[in-house]
Each structure stands twice: as C-alpha cells, then as structure tokens.
Amino acid sequence: MIQWRKSSHSQGGEGECVEVSTNTVDTLIRDSKDPEGPRLTLGRTGLTALLGQIKAGELDLS
C-alpha cells in the first residue's frame, strides 16, 4: 500500500495540496484533491532536478 504525505507548504492555502509517496522506489506526486487522478513519477535524478527548478524560481507555480 502506498503511503502519502502532504507537503508542509500546502497546509496554508485552500486547494493547493500536494502529496508525495513515502514508501515507494520512485517518488510519486499527486494532487490531494484528486487522489485517483494522474500521478507524476520521478526517480531520484528527476526529483532532484524538479526541486532545483522550483527553488531557483524557474517554474510558474501560480
């Protein structure tokens, strides 16, 4: 069974909830409002790259 953890940055806003898997080989990311919807699957390299882009402000997340 996949275990999900909600991002601590999602707690404050309504409708802005992101969850990540906590017990899978690859990292799974989903929208908590749509738990049966699409999931983003990232390996370690992909996750590191995504987090780097987010921290650098390279992505429009609004």
Protein backbone atom coordinates (compact mmCIF):
# COMPACT_ATOMS: atom_id res chain seq x y z
CA MET A 1 0.00 0.00 0.00
CA ILE A 2 1.31 3.43 -0.93
CA GLN A 3 1.62 5.87 1.95
CA TRP A 4 1.16 9.56 1.17
CA ARG A 5 2.49 12.62 2.96
CA LYS A 6 1.11 16.11 2.41
CA SER A 7 3.64 18.85 1.75
CA SER A 8 4.12 21.18 4.70
CA HIS A 9 3.94 24.07 2.21
CA SER A 10 0.41 23.02 1.22
CA GLN A 11 -1.10 23.44 4.67
CA GLY A 12 -1.89 27.14 4.40
CA GLY A 13 -3.72 27.51 1.12
CA GLU A 14 -7.07 26.16 0.09
CA GLY A 15 -6.94 23.88 -2.90
CA GLU A 16 -3.15 23.83 -3.05
CA CYS A 17 -2.41 20.41 -1.62
CA VAL A 18 0.41 18.28 -2.96
CA GLU A 19 1.17 14.82 -1.61
CA VAL A 20 4.23 12.64 -2.13
CA SER A 21 4.65 8.91 -1.65
CA THR A 22 6.74 7.86 1.31
CA ASN A 23 7.30 4.17 0.71
CA THR A 24 7.96 3.63 -2.99
CA VAL A 25 11.16 3.19 -5.03
CA ASP A 26 10.38 6.21 -7.23
CA THR A 27 8.76 9.32 -5.83
CA LEU A 28 5.08 9.72 -6.68
CA ILE A 29 3.43 13.13 -6.55
CA ARG A 30 -0.31 13.76 -6.70
CA ASP A 31 -2.94 16.41 -6.14
CA SER A 32 -4.66 15.54 -2.87
CA LYS A 33 -7.98 16.90 -4.19
CA ASP A 34 -7.90 14.20 -6.88
CA PRO A 35 -6.33 11.11 -5.23
CA GLU A 36 -7.42 8.80 -8.06
CA GLY A 37 -6.22 11.20 -10.75
CA PRO A 38 -2.87 11.38 -12.50
CA ARG A 39 0.40 10.96 -10.62
CA LEU A 40 3.83 12.24 -11.50
CA THR A 41 6.50 9.53 -11.13
CA LEU A 42 10.09 10.69 -10.65
CA GLY A 43 13.32 8.86 -9.94
CA ARG A 44 15.97 10.40 -7.68
CA THR A 45 17.58 12.39 -10.53
CA GLY A 46 14.25 13.73 -11.79
CA LEU A 47 13.11 14.72 -8.31
CA THR A 48 16.40 16.50 -7.62
CA ALA A 49 16.10 18.40 -10.91
CA LEU A 50 12.46 19.37 -10.24
CA LEU A 51 13.22 20.62 -6.73
CA GLY A 52 16.19 22.60 -8.07
CA GLN A 53 13.99 24.29 -10.68
CA ILE A 54 11.35 25.12 -8.06
CA LYS A 55 13.91 26.58 -5.65
CA ALA A 56 15.51 28.61 -8.45
CA GLY A 57 12.12 30.08 -9.42
CA GLU A 58 12.35 28.61 -12.92
CA LEU A 59 8.77 27.30 -12.93
CA ASP A 60 5.50 29.21 -12.91
CA LEU A 61 3.72 27.59 -9.96
CA SER A 62 0.92 30.11 -9.59
